[in-house]
Amino acid sequence: MKGISKSTLLVIWESNKKSWITMNIFQNWFTEHFCPSVKRYCESKQLEPKGLLLIDNAPSHPTQLSDLATCISVEVVFLPPNTTSLIQPMDQGVISNFKAYYLRRTFRQLIDKTDGEGKQSIRDFWKNYNIIDAVENIQLSWNEVTEKCLKGVWKNVWPDLSKDADSTTRVDVNEIVELANKAGLDNINTQDIEELLQVPIGESLSNDDLKELVEQQVHKDDEFSVSEDEEQKELATNFLKTSLTTIVDIMDQFIQNDSNFDRSSKARRSVMDAMSCYQQLLTERNRKRQTTLDDFLTKKQKVSNEEEPSSSQT
């Protein structure tokens, strides 16, 4: 994660020593992410700017959320105690679907990186599997959760919305087991996967845990904090230029060596479209560099003219 701007990650990045969501973290998510997202959605659909948030009575959920000054009116409703697993929409299929997609994607990567001669071992794969890999897999797996699923999970609290939807559709557990077995994890069976998919995201906190959670909100742990002030990676202009040239050359090689022109040309267009943000960055830098050079030459010429001796006639 070092050198990467946390604001550019594909997820909302927060950290805590105990992997808990604190009141401060949740309140920041509510005001800085949830409310603006709801506002943008309402505007895009030309709906009245207001929202509803259903949450359980977890210690990290502030009770005064509805009183906060936000960019949109949001009513916050707390679910009755001991009913979360029965009616909370996220627990009716969203979380288990997401986890299934994440498992499938990760096991596929494990097979791709370890299956065959000269490839790394399973131990090395997990050793090299880092936070950036996890963040990317989280984002891609979440994108696989369908609109049909998101509607279907409301069946216990809003039946009319979900009557034509289905929250149970997800990756076949047998497919995940097959991938795990192919990767060398022979002891994994369908029961193991089912149990993993049904494990609650959060766990009950003891009195000591609650006390520590409160203390952490007063004394933040700097060791686990994330700062945008740390030095960020910088894409060098020469690196951009060389890399883009190399990519163009490689894609040209596919055009020249693949007898299926439709396939190779589509691949080239896709790659170049994906790299257009870097091409634009290089173009902007070259333009800025040219502007700076022109300004320098203009100033130099002006100084030179001012230093020339004037000729006077007698």
C-alpha atoms as a PDB file:
ATOM      1  CA  MET A   1       0.000   0.000   0.000  1.00  0.00           C
ATOM      2  CA  LYS A   2       2.984   2.286   0.422  1.00  0.00           C
ATOM      3  CA  GLY A   3       3.041   5.100  -2.108  1.00  0.00           C
ATOM      4  CA  ILE A   4      -0.567   4.579  -3.228  1.00  0.00           C
ATOM      5  CA  SER A   5      -3.132   7.323  -2.696  1.00  0.00           C
ATOM      6  CA  LYS A   6      -5.877   5.785  -0.558  1.00  0.00           C
ATOM      7  CA  SER A   7      -8.510   8.056  -2.128  1.00  0.00           C
ATOM      8  CA  THR A   8      -7.912   6.372  -5.514  1.00  0.00           C
ATOM      9  CA  LEU A   9      -8.597   2.850  -4.264  1.00  0.00           C
ATOM     10  CA  LEU A  10     -11.632   0.990  -5.559  1.00  0.00           C
ATOM     11  CA  VAL A  11     -13.030   0.679  -2.040  1.00  0.00           C
ATOM     12  CA  ILE A  12     -13.591   2.990   0.917  1.00  0.00           C
ATOM     13  CA  TRP A  13     -10.389   2.589   2.899  1.00  0.00           C
ATOM     14  CA  GLU A  14     -10.518   2.798   6.684  1.00  0.00           C
ATOM     15  CA  SER A  15      -8.483   0.955   9.281  1.00  0.00           C
ATOM     16  CA  ASN A  16      -8.743  -0.139  12.878  1.00  0.00           C
ATOM     17  CA  LYS A  17      -6.453  -2.247  15.054  1.00  0.00           C
ATOM     18  CA  LYS A  18      -9.197  -4.728  15.938  1.00  0.00           C
ATOM     19  CA  SER A  19     -10.838  -4.713  12.478  1.00  0.00           C
ATOM     20  CA  TRP A  20     -13.929  -3.124  13.990  1.00  0.00           C
ATOM     21  CA  ILE A  21     -16.014  -0.296  12.593  1.00  0.00           C
ATOM     22  CA  THR A  22     -15.962   2.548  15.095  1.00  0.00           C
ATOM     23  CA  MET A  23     -18.583   5.282  15.459  1.00  0.00           C
ATOM     24  CA  ASN A  24     -16.224   7.773  13.847  1.00  0.00           C
ATOM     25  CA  ILE A  25     -15.642   5.506  10.854  1.00  0.00           C
ATOM     26  CA  PHE A  26     -19.353   4.809  10.413  1.00  0.00           C
ATOM     27  CA  GLN A  27     -20.338   8.455  10.787  1.00  0.00           C
ATOM     28  CA  ASN A  28     -17.734   9.462   8.208  1.00  0.00           C
ATOM     29  CA  TRP A  29     -19.073   6.799   5.831  1.00  0.00           C
ATOM     30  CA  PHE A  30     -22.614   8.085   6.375  1.00  0.00           C
ATOM     31  CA  THR A  31     -21.868  11.772   5.735  1.00  0.00           C
ATOM     32  CA  GLU A  32     -19.070  11.530   3.171  1.00  0.00           C
ATOM     33  CA  HIS A  33     -20.118   8.487   1.137  1.00  0.00           C
ATOM     34  CA  PHE A  34     -23.642   7.200   1.737  1.00  0.00           C
ATOM     35  CA  CYS A  35     -25.527  10.514   1.636  1.00  0.00           C
ATOM     36  CA  PRO A  36     -23.680  11.891  -1.438  1.00  0.00           C
ATOM     37  CA  SER A  37     -24.258   8.573  -3.247  1.00  0.00           C
ATOM     38  CA  VAL A  38     -27.982   8.663  -2.512  1.00  0.00           C
ATOM     39  CA  LYS A  39     -28.133  12.278  -3.658  1.00  0.00           C
ATOM     40  CA  ARG A  40     -26.406  11.460  -6.964  1.00  0.00           C
ATOM     41  CA  TYR A  41     -28.763   8.524  -7.527  1.00  0.00           C
ATOM     42  CA  CYS A  42     -31.854  10.636  -6.885  1.00  0.00           C
ATOM     43  CA  GLU A  43     -30.604  13.301  -9.252  1.00  0.00           C
ATOM     44  CA  SER A  44     -29.844  10.745 -11.985  1.00  0.00           C
ATOM     45  CA  LYS A  45     -33.352   9.259 -11.665  1.00  0.00           C
ATOM     46  CA  GLN A  46     -35.063  12.641 -11.151  1.00  0.00           C
ATOM     47  CA  LEU A  47     -36.387  11.519  -7.777  1.00  0.00           C
ATOM     48  CA  GLU A  48     -37.131  13.531  -4.663  1.00  0.00           C
ATOM     49  CA  PRO A  49     -33.818  13.952  -2.796  1.00  0.00           C
ATOM     50  CA  LYS A  50     -34.343  11.772   0.251  1.00  0.00           C
ATOM     51  CA  GLY A  51     -33.266   8.355   1.474  1.00  0.00           C
ATOM     52  CA  LEU A  52     -33.821   5.587   3.997  1.00  0.00           C
ATOM     53  CA  LEU A  53     -31.080   3.705   5.851  1.00  0.00           C
ATOM     54  CA  LEU A  54     -31.879   0.477   7.718  1.00  0.00           C
ATOM     55  CA  ILE A  55     -29.225  -0.599  10.213  1.00  0.00           C
ATOM     56  CA  ASP A  56     -28.960  -2.829  13.268  1.00  0.00           C
ATOM     57  CA  ASN A  57     -28.131  -1.740  16.791  1.00  0.00           C
ATOM     58  CA  ALA A  58     -24.404  -2.392  16.565  1.00  0.00           C
ATOM     59  CA  PRO A  59     -22.208  -0.379  18.982  1.00  0.00           C
ATOM     60  CA  SER A  60     -20.553   1.336  16.017  1.00  0.00           C
ATOM     61  CA  HIS A  61     -23.823   2.819  14.730  1.00  0.00           C
ATOM     62  CA  PRO A  62     -24.407   6.289  16.242  1.00  0.00           C
ATOM     63  CA  THR A  63     -27.992   6.880  17.331  1.00  0.00           C
ATOM     64  CA  GLN A  64     -27.998  10.538  16.230  1.00  0.00           C
ATOM     65  CA  LEU A  65     -27.319   9.990  12.513  1.00  0.00           C
ATOM     66  CA  SER A  66     -30.640  11.521  11.475  1.00  0.00           C
ATOM     67  CA  ASP A  67     -29.693  14.742  13.281  1.00  0.00           C
ATOM     68  CA  LEU A  68     -26.453  15.264  11.367  1.00  0.00           C
ATOM     69  CA  ALA A  69     -26.146  18.002   8.754  1.00  0.00           C
ATOM     70  CA  THR A  70     -25.891  16.182   5.427  1.00  0.00           C
ATOM     71  CA  CYS A  71     -26.336  16.955   1.741  1.00  0.00           C
ATOM     72  CA  ILE A  72     -29.649  15.090   1.613  1.00  0.00           C
ATOM     73  CA  SER A  73     -32.472  14.188   3.965  1.00  0.00           C
ATOM     74  CA  VAL A  74     -32.014  10.599   5.179  1.00  0.00           C
ATOM     75  CA  GLU A  75     -34.227   8.787   7.652  1.00  0.00           C
ATOM     76  CA  VAL A  76     -32.297   6.250   9.729  1.00  0.00           C
ATOM     77  CA  VAL A  77     -34.304   3.312  11.083  1.00  0.00           C
ATOM     78  CA  PHE A  78     -32.814   0.834  13.546  1.00  0.00           C
ATOM     79  CA  LEU A  79     -33.957  -2.771  13.214  1.00  0.00           C
ATOM     80  CA  PRO A  80     -35.512  -4.444  16.278  1.00  0.00           C
ATOM     81  CA  PRO A  81     -33.046  -6.362  18.473  1.00  0.00           C
ATOM     82  CA  ASN A  82     -32.277  -9.977  17.532  1.00  0.00           C
ATOM     83  CA  THR A  83     -33.931  -9.710  14.120  1.00  0.00           C
ATOM     84  CA  THR A  84     -30.951  -8.778  11.952  1.00  0.00           C
ATOM     85  CA  SER A  85     -30.351 -12.244  10.525  1.00  0.00           C
ATOM     86  CA  LEU A  86     -34.070 -12.613   9.758  1.00  0.00           C
ATOM     87  CA  ILE A  87     -34.956  -9.374   7.993  1.00  0.00           C
ATOM     88  CA  GLN A  88     -31.872  -7.265   7.306  1.00  0.00           C
ATOM     89  CA  PRO A  89     -31.550  -7.184   3.485  1.00  0.00           C
ATOM     90  CA  MET A  90     -27.767  -7.619   3.447  1.00  0.00           C
ATOM     91  CA  ASP A  91     -28.122 -10.881   5.386  1.00  0.00           C
ATOM     92  CA  GLN A  92     -30.667 -12.320   2.952  1.00  0.00           C
ATOM     93  CA  GLY A  93     -28.210 -13.071   0.179  1.00  0.00           C
ATOM     94  CA  VAL A  94     -26.042 -10.060  -0.668  1.00  0.00           C
ATOM     95  CA  ILE A  95     -23.148 -10.957   1.629  1.00  0.00           C
ATOM     96  CA  SER A  96     -23.151 -14.672   0.807  1.00  0.00           C
ATOM     97  CA  ASN A  97     -23.307 -13.925  -2.944  1.00  0.00           C
ATOM     98  CA  PHE A  98     -20.435 -11.477  -2.682  1.00  0.00           C
ATOM     99  CA  LYS A  99     -18.308 -13.928  -0.690  1.00  0.00           C
ATOM    100  CA  ALA A 100     -19.010 -16.689  -3.214  1.00  0.00           C
ATOM    101  CA  TYR A 101     -17.889 -14.477  -6.101  1.00  0.00           C
ATOM    102  CA  TYR A 102     -14.769 -13.494  -4.161  1.00  0.00           C
ATOM    103  CA  LEU A 103     -13.886 -17.131  -3.421  1.00  0.00           C
ATOM    104  CA  ARG A 104     -14.375 -18.159  -7.030  1.00  0.00           C
ATOM    105  CA  ARG A 105     -12.237 -15.314  -8.340  1.00  0.00           C
ATOM    106  CA  THR A 106      -9.452 -15.927  -5.810  1.00  0.00           C
ATOM    107  CA  PHE A 107      -9.313 -19.679  -6.424  1.00  0.00           C
ATOM    108  CA  ARG A 108      -9.159 -19.066 -10.175  1.00  0.00           C
ATOM    109  CA  GLN A 109      -6.174 -16.782  -9.622  1.00  0.00           C
ATOM    110  CA  LEU A 110      -4.585 -19.397  -7.371  1.00  0.00           C
ATOM    111  CA  ILE A 111      -4.876 -22.021 -10.115  1.00  0.00           C
ATOM    112  CA  ASP A 112      -3.593 -19.650 -12.792  1.00  0.00           C
ATOM    113  CA  LYS A 113      -0.519 -18.757 -10.751  1.00  0.00           C
ATOM    114  CA  THR A 114       0.346 -22.242  -9.421  1.00  0.00           C
ATOM    115  CA  ASP A 115      -0.869 -24.814 -11.967  1.00  0.00           C
ATOM    116  CA  GLY A 116       1.959 -26.000 -14.202  1.00  0.00           C
ATOM    117  CA  GLU A 117       5.705 -26.412 -14.300  1.00  0.00           C
ATOM    118  CA  GLY A 118       7.899 -23.555 -13.198  1.00  0.00           C
ATOM    119  CA  LYS A 119       5.068 -21.731 -11.402  1.00  0.00           C
ATOM    120  CA  GLN A 120       4.996 -20.660  -7.785  1.00  0.00           C
ATOM    121  CA  SER A 121       3.793 -22.864  -4.966  1.00  0.00           C
ATOM    122  CA  ILE A 122       0.475 -22.402  -3.187  1.00  0.00           C
ATOM    123  CA  ARG A 123       2.374 -21.129  -0.148  1.00  0.00           C
ATOM    124  CA  ASP A 124       4.169 -18.531  -2.281  1.00  0.00           C
ATOM    125  CA  PHE A 125       0.892 -17.449  -3.875  1.00  0.00           C
ATOM    126  CA  TRP A 126      -0.651 -16.643  -0.504  1.00  0.00           C
ATOM    127  CA  LYS A 127       2.594 -15.081   0.674  1.00  0.00           C
ATOM    128  CA  ASN A 128       2.536 -12.714  -2.308  1.00  0.00           C
ATOM    129  CA  TYR A 129      -1.216 -12.078  -2.147  1.00  0.00           C
ATOM    130  CA  ASN A 130      -1.377  -8.505  -0.857  1.00  0.00           C
ATOM    131  CA  ILE A 131      -3.909  -5.855   0.080  1.00  0.00           C
ATOM    132  CA  ILE A 132      -3.990  -4.418  -3.439  1.00  0.00           C
ATOM    133  CA  ASP A 133      -4.875  -7.866  -4.815  1.00  0.00           C
ATOM    134  CA  ALA A 134      -7.636  -8.176  -2.227  1.00  0.00           C
ATOM    135  CA  VAL A 135      -8.992  -4.688  -2.916  1.00  0.00           C
ATOM    136  CA  GLU A 136      -9.182  -5.353  -6.648  1.00  0.00           C
ATOM    137  CA  ASN A 137     -10.897  -8.718  -6.090  1.00  0.00           C
ATOM    138  CA  ILE A 138     -13.356  -7.103  -3.682  1.00  0.00           C
ATOM    139  CA  GLN A 139     -14.334  -4.500  -6.248  1.00  0.00           C
ATOM    140  CA  LEU A 140     -14.650  -6.968  -9.126  1.00  0.00           C
ATOM    141  CA  SER A 141     -16.588  -9.456  -6.980  1.00  0.00           C
ATOM    142  CA  TRP A 142     -18.988  -6.759  -5.803  1.00  0.00           C
ATOM    143  CA  ASN A 143     -19.631  -5.797  -9.429  1.00  0.00           C
ATOM    144  CA  GLU A 144     -20.821  -9.374 -10.016  1.00  0.00           C
ATOM    145  CA  VAL A 145     -23.638  -9.001  -7.470  1.00  0.00           C
ATOM    146  CA  THR A 146     -26.683  -8.509  -9.676  1.00  0.00           C
ATOM    147  CA  GLU A 147     -29.496  -5.970  -9.466  1.00  0.00           C
ATOM    148  CA  LYS A 148     -31.880  -8.919  -9.266  1.00  0.00           C
ATOM    149  CA  CYS A 149     -30.127 -10.080  -6.107  1.00  0.00           C
ATOM    150  CA  LEU A 150     -30.128  -6.600  -4.560  1.00  0.00           C
ATOM    151  CA  LYS A 151     -33.882  -6.358  -5.083  1.00  0.00           C
ATOM    152  CA  GLY A 152     -34.597  -9.901  -3.948  1.00  0.00           C
ATOM    153  CA  VAL A 153     -33.048  -9.451  -0.499  1.00  0.00           C
ATOM    154  CA  TRP A 154     -35.849  -7.046   0.452  1.00  0.00           C
ATOM    155  CA  LYS A 155     -38.393  -9.875   0.396  1.00  0.00           C
ATOM    156  CA  ASN A 156     -38.874  -9.886   4.190  1.00  0.00           C
ATOM    157  CA  VAL A 157     -39.329  -6.137   4.633  1.00  0.00           C
ATOM    158  CA  TRP A 158     -40.638  -4.972   1.231  1.00  0.00           C
ATOM    159  CA  PRO A 159     -42.297  -7.899  -0.603  1.00  0.00           C
ATOM    160  CA  ASP A 160     -43.722  -5.801  -3.449  1.00  0.00           C
ATOM    161  CA  LEU A 161     -40.241  -4.700  -4.503  1.00  0.00           C
ATOM    162  CA  SER A 162     -38.799  -8.208  -4.615  1.00  0.00           C
ATOM    163  CA  LYS A 163     -41.643 -10.351  -5.940  1.00  0.00           C
ATOM    164  CA  ASP A 164     -39.978 -10.667  -9.357  1.00  0.00           C
ATOM    165  CA  ALA A 165     -36.419 -10.841  -7.985  1.00  0.00           C
ATOM    166  CA  ASP A 166     -34.298 -13.634  -6.558  1.00  0.00           C
ATOM    167  CA  SER A 167     -31.696 -13.268  -3.819  1.00  0.00           C
ATOM    168  CA  THR A 168     -30.664 -16.927  -3.811  1.00  0.00           C
ATOM    169  CA  THR A 169     -28.944 -17.004  -7.199  1.00  0.00           C
ATOM    170  CA  ARG A 170     -25.217 -17.260  -6.690  1.00  0.00           C
ATOM    171  CA  VAL A 171     -22.136 -19.170  -7.747  1.00  0.00           C
ATOM    172  CA  ASP A 172     -22.606 -22.939  -7.600  1.00  0.00           C
ATOM    173  CA  VAL A 173     -20.847 -24.106  -4.436  1.00  0.00           C
ATOM    174  CA  ASN A 174     -19.718 -27.230  -6.288  1.00  0.00           C
ATOM    175  CA  GLU A 175     -17.851 -24.979  -8.745  1.00  0.00           C
ATOM    176  CA  ILE A 176     -15.927 -23.380  -5.892  1.00  0.00           C
ATOM    177  CA  VAL A 177     -15.128 -26.800  -4.413  1.00  0.00           C
ATOM    178  CA  GLU A 178     -13.865 -28.014  -7.803  1.00  0.00           C
ATOM    179  CA  LEU A 179     -11.628 -24.961  -8.126  1.00  0.00           C
ATOM    180  CA  ALA A 180     -10.273 -25.464  -4.598  1.00  0.00           C
ATOM    181  CA  ASN A 181      -9.585 -29.150  -5.271  1.00  0.00           C
ATOM    182  CA  LYS A 182      -7.915 -28.344  -8.587  1.00  0.00           C
ATOM    183  CA  ALA A 183      -5.702 -25.873  -6.747  1.00  0.00           C
ATOM    184  CA  GLY A 184      -4.518 -28.682  -4.486  1.00  0.00           C
ATOM    185  CA  LEU A 185      -6.851 -28.083  -1.545  1.00  0.00           C
ATOM    186  CA  ASP A 186      -8.233 -31.625  -1.627  1.00  0.00           C
ATOM    187  CA  ASN A 187      -9.788 -31.558   1.855  1.00  0.00           C
ATOM    188  CA  ILE A 188     -12.279 -28.789   1.029  1.00  0.00           C
ATOM    189  CA  ASN A 189     -15.873 -29.946   0.470  1.00  0.00           C
ATOM    190  CA  THR A 190     -19.273 -28.341  -0.094  1.00  0.00           C
ATOM    191  CA  GLN A 191     -20.020 -28.194   3.635  1.00  0.00           C
ATOM    192  CA  ASP A 192     -16.824 -26.190   4.243  1.00  0.00           C
ATOM    193  CA  ILE A 193     -17.796 -23.645   1.589  1.00  0.00           C
ATOM    194  CA  GLU A 194     -21.403 -23.387   2.783  1.00  0.00           C
ATOM    195  CA  GLU A 195     -20.243 -22.756   6.346  1.00  0.00           C
ATOM    196  CA  LEU A 196     -17.799 -20.100   5.162  1.00  0.00           C
ATOM    197  CA  LEU A 197     -20.484 -18.309   3.146  1.00  0.00           C
ATOM    198  CA  GLN A 198     -22.844 -18.237   6.127  1.00  0.00           C
ATOM    199  CA  VAL A 199     -20.310 -16.988   8.694  1.00  0.00           C
ATOM    200  CA  PRO A 200     -21.513 -13.565   9.971  1.00  0.00           C
ATOM    201  CA  ILE A 201     -19.387 -10.603   8.903  1.00  0.00           C
ATOM    202  CA  GLY A 202     -19.389  -9.200  12.430  1.00  0.00           C
ATOM    203  CA  GLU A 203     -19.187 -10.943  15.763  1.00  0.00           C
ATOM    204  CA  SER A 204     -20.747 -10.166  19.116  1.00  0.00           C
ATOM    205  CA  LEU A 205     -18.611  -7.943  21.298  1.00  0.00           C
ATOM    206  CA  SER A 206     -17.990  -8.568  24.965  1.00  0.00           C
ATOM    207  CA  ASN A 207     -18.140  -5.807  27.581  1.00  0.00           C
ATOM    208  CA  ASP A 208     -14.344  -5.555  27.479  1.00  0.00           C
ATOM    209  CA  ASP A 209     -14.489  -5.260  23.675  1.00  0.00           C
ATOM    210  CA  LEU A 210     -17.045  -2.469  23.912  1.00  0.00           C
ATOM    211  CA  LYS A 211     -14.908  -0.624  26.452  1.00  0.00           C
ATOM    212  CA  GLU A 212     -11.875  -0.872  24.199  1.00  0.00           C
ATOM    213  CA  LEU A 213     -13.919   0.299  21.223  1.00  0.00           C
ATOM    214  CA  VAL A 214     -14.947   3.447  23.072  1.00  0.00           C
ATOM    215  CA  GLU A 215     -11.375   4.092  24.202  1.00  0.00           C
ATOM    216  CA  GLN A 216     -10.135   3.814  20.626  1.00  0.00           C
ATOM    217  CA  GLN A 217     -12.422   6.659  19.599  1.00  0.00           C
ATOM    218  CA  VAL A 218     -10.677   8.896  22.096  1.00  0.00           C
ATOM    219  CA  HIS A 219      -7.144   7.598  21.559  1.00  0.00           C
ATOM    220  CA  LYS A 220      -6.679   6.804  17.896  1.00  0.00           C
ATOM    221  CA  ASP A 221      -3.965   4.307  17.082  1.00  0.00           C
ATOM    222  CA  ASP A 222      -1.509   6.095  14.776  1.00  0.00           C
ATOM    223  CA  GLU A 223       0.202   2.832  13.903  1.00  0.00           C
ATOM    224  CA  PHE A 224      -2.841   1.761  11.914  1.00  0.00           C
ATOM    225  CA  SER A 225      -3.907   5.161  10.610  1.00  0.00           C
ATOM    226  CA  VAL A 226      -3.803   6.024   6.933  1.00  0.00           C
ATOM    227  CA  SER A 227      -2.594   9.417   5.803  1.00  0.00           C
ATOM    228  CA  GLU A 228      -2.813  11.089   2.440  1.00  0.00           C
ATOM    229  CA  ASP A 229       0.225  13.153   3.405  1.00  0.00           C
ATOM    230  CA  GLU A 230       2.664  10.282   2.891  1.00  0.00           C
ATOM    231  CA  GLU A 231       4.833  10.377  -0.210  1.00  0.00           C
ATOM    232  CA  GLN A 232       2.942   9.078  -3.230  1.00  0.00           C
ATOM    233  CA  LYS A 233       4.259   7.235  -6.251  1.00  0.00           C
ATOM    234  CA  GLU A 234       4.962   9.469  -9.227  1.00  0.00           C
ATOM    235  CA  LEU A 235       4.639   8.302 -12.823  1.00  0.00           C
ATOM    236  CA  ALA A 236       7.771   9.538 -14.579  1.00  0.00           C
ATOM    237  CA  THR A 237       7.208  11.029 -18.012  1.00  0.00           C
ATOM    238  CA  ASN A 238       9.933   8.862 -19.569  1.00  0.00           C
ATOM    239  CA  PHE A 239       8.288   5.771 -18.062  1.00  0.00           C
ATOM    240  CA  LEU A 240       4.938   6.769 -19.550  1.00  0.00           C
ATOM    241  CA  LYS A 241       6.420   7.386 -22.985  1.00  0.00           C
ATOM    242  CA  THR A 242       8.470   4.164 -23.062  1.00  0.00           C
ATOM    243  CA  SER A 243       5.667   1.989 -21.698  1.00  0.00           C
ATOM    244  CA  LEU A 244       3.026   3.307 -24.094  1.00  0.00           C
ATOM    245  CA  THR A 245       5.383   2.795 -27.035  1.00  0.00           C
ATOM    246  CA  THR A 246       6.066  -0.775 -25.881  1.00  0.00           C
ATOM    247  CA  ILE A 247       2.357  -1.526 -25.569  1.00  0.00           C
ATOM    248  CA  VAL A 248       1.677  -0.208 -29.085  1.00  0.00           C
ATOM    249  CA  ASP A 249       4.531  -2.347 -30.448  1.00  0.00           C
ATOM    250  CA  ILE A 250       3.208  -5.457 -28.681  1.00  0.00           C
ATOM    251  CA  MET A 251      -0.323  -4.977 -29.979  1.00  0.00           C
ATOM    252  CA  ASP A 252       1.065  -4.440 -33.481  1.00  0.00           C
ATOM    253  CA  GLN A 253       2.817  -7.795 -33.147  1.00  0.00           C
ATOM    254  CA  PHE A 254      -0.538  -9.459 -32.495  1.00  0.00           C
ATOM    255  CA  ILE A 255      -1.943  -7.829 -35.634  1.00  0.00           C
ATOM    256  CA  GLN A 256       0.994  -9.094 -37.687  1.00  0.00           C
ATOM    257  CA  ASN A 257       1.029 -12.646 -36.300  1.00  0.00           C
ATOM    258  CA  ASP A 258      -2.648 -13.464 -35.781  1.00  0.00           C
ATOM    259  CA  SER A 259      -4.510 -14.707 -38.851  1.00  0.00           C
ATOM    260  CA  ASN A 260      -7.793 -13.657 -37.216  1.00  0.00           C
ATOM    261  CA  PHE A 261      -7.700  -9.919 -37.852  1.00  0.00           C
ATOM    262  CA  ASP A 262     -11.064  -9.278 -36.200  1.00  0.00           C
ATOM    263  CA  ARG A 263      -9.800 -10.781 -32.948  1.00  0.00           C
ATOM    264  CA  SER A 264      -6.443  -8.999 -32.905  1.00  0.00           C
ATOM    265  CA  SER A 265      -7.874  -5.634 -33.929  1.00  0.00           C
ATOM    266  CA  LYS A 266     -10.566  -5.827 -31.238  1.00  0.00           C
ATOM    267  CA  ALA A 267      -7.890  -6.695 -28.698  1.00  0.00           C
ATOM    268  CA  ARG A 268      -5.773  -3.756 -29.800  1.00  0.00           C
ATOM    269  CA  ARG A 269      -8.699  -1.340 -29.589  1.00  0.00           C
ATOM    270  CA  SER A 270      -9.620  -2.603 -26.124  1.00  0.00           C
ATOM    271  CA  VAL A 271      -6.067  -2.247 -24.837  1.00  0.00           C
ATOM    272  CA  MET A 272      -5.589   1.199 -26.333  1.00  0.00           C
ATOM    273  CA  ASP A 273      -8.945   2.356 -24.958  1.00  0.00           C
ATOM    274  CA  ALA A 274      -7.873   1.129 -21.521  1.00  0.00           C
ATOM    275  CA  MET A 275      -4.558   2.974 -21.821  1.00  0.00           C
ATOM    276  CA  SER A 276      -6.106   6.220 -23.088  1.00  0.00           C
ATOM    277  CA  CYS A 277      -5.989   7.770 -19.591  1.00  0.00           C
ATOM    278  CA  TYR A 278      -2.212   7.371 -19.582  1.00  0.00           C
ATOM    279  CA  GLN A 279      -1.918   8.659 -23.140  1.00  0.00           C
ATOM    280  CA  GLN A 280      -3.916  11.721 -22.108  1.00  0.00           C
ATOM    281  CA  LEU A 281      -1.650  12.212 -19.088  1.00  0.00           C
ATOM    282  CA  LEU A 282       1.437  12.069 -21.326  1.00  0.00           C
ATOM    283  CA  THR A 283      -0.137  14.518 -23.805  1.00  0.00           C
ATOM    284  CA  GLU A 284      -0.944  16.978 -21.013  1.00  0.00           C
ATOM    285  CA  ARG A 285       2.586  16.768 -19.659  1.00  0.00           C
ATOM    286  CA  ASN A 286       4.086  17.334 -23.109  1.00  0.00           C
ATOM    287  CA  ARG A 287       1.788  20.314 -23.635  1.00  0.00           C
ATOM    288  CA  LYS A 288       2.722  21.755 -20.260  1.00  0.00           C
ATOM    289  CA  ARG A 289       6.395  21.153 -20.967  1.00  0.00           C
ATOM    290  CA  GLN A 290       6.090  22.921 -24.321  1.00  0.00           C
ATOM    291  CA  THR A 291       4.268  25.855 -22.728  1.00  0.00           C
ATOM    292  CA  THR A 292       6.984  26.152 -20.085  1.00  0.00           C
ATOM    293  CA  LEU A 293       9.689  26.015 -22.772  1.00  0.00           C
ATOM    294  CA  ASP A 294       7.943  28.655 -24.880  1.00  0.00           C
ATOM    295  CA  ASP A 295       7.612  30.933 -21.839  1.00  0.00           C
ATOM    296  CA  PHE A 296      11.292  30.456 -21.074  1.00  0.00           C
ATOM    297  CA  LEU A 297      12.370  31.297 -24.635  1.00  0.00           C
ATOM    298  CA  THR A 298      10.068  34.318 -24.716  1.00  0.00           C
ATOM    299  CA  LYS A 299      11.523  35.663 -21.460  1.00  0.00           C
ATOM    300  CA  LYS A 300      15.054  34.965 -22.639  1.00  0.00           C
ATOM    301  CA  GLN A 301      14.428  36.819 -25.906  1.00  0.00           C
ATOM    302  CA  LYS A 302      12.932  39.751 -24.003  1.00  0.00           C
ATOM    303  CA  VAL A 303      15.970  39.984 -21.702  1.00  0.00           C
ATOM    304  CA  SER A 304      18.302  39.739 -24.685  1.00  0.00           C
ATOM    305  CA  ASN A 305      16.537  42.606 -26.433  1.00  0.00           C
ATOM    306  CA  GLU A 306      16.708  44.763 -23.342  1.00  0.00           C
ATOM    307  CA  GLU A 307      20.465  44.159 -22.977  1.00  0.00           C
ATOM    308  CA  GLU A 308      21.308  45.185 -26.573  1.00  0.00           C
ATOM    309  CA  PRO A 309      22.975  48.665 -26.692  1.00  0.00           C
ATOM    310  CA  SER A 310      20.824  51.299 -28.341  1.00  0.00           C
ATOM    311  CA  SER A 311      22.307  53.091 -31.379  1.00  0.00           C
ATOM    312  CA  SER A 312      22.145  56.895 -31.367  1.00  0.00           C
ATOM    313  CA  GLN A 313      22.761  59.205 -34.272  1.00  0.00           C
ATOM    314  CA  THR A 314      24.794  62.354 -33.865  1.00  0.00           C
END
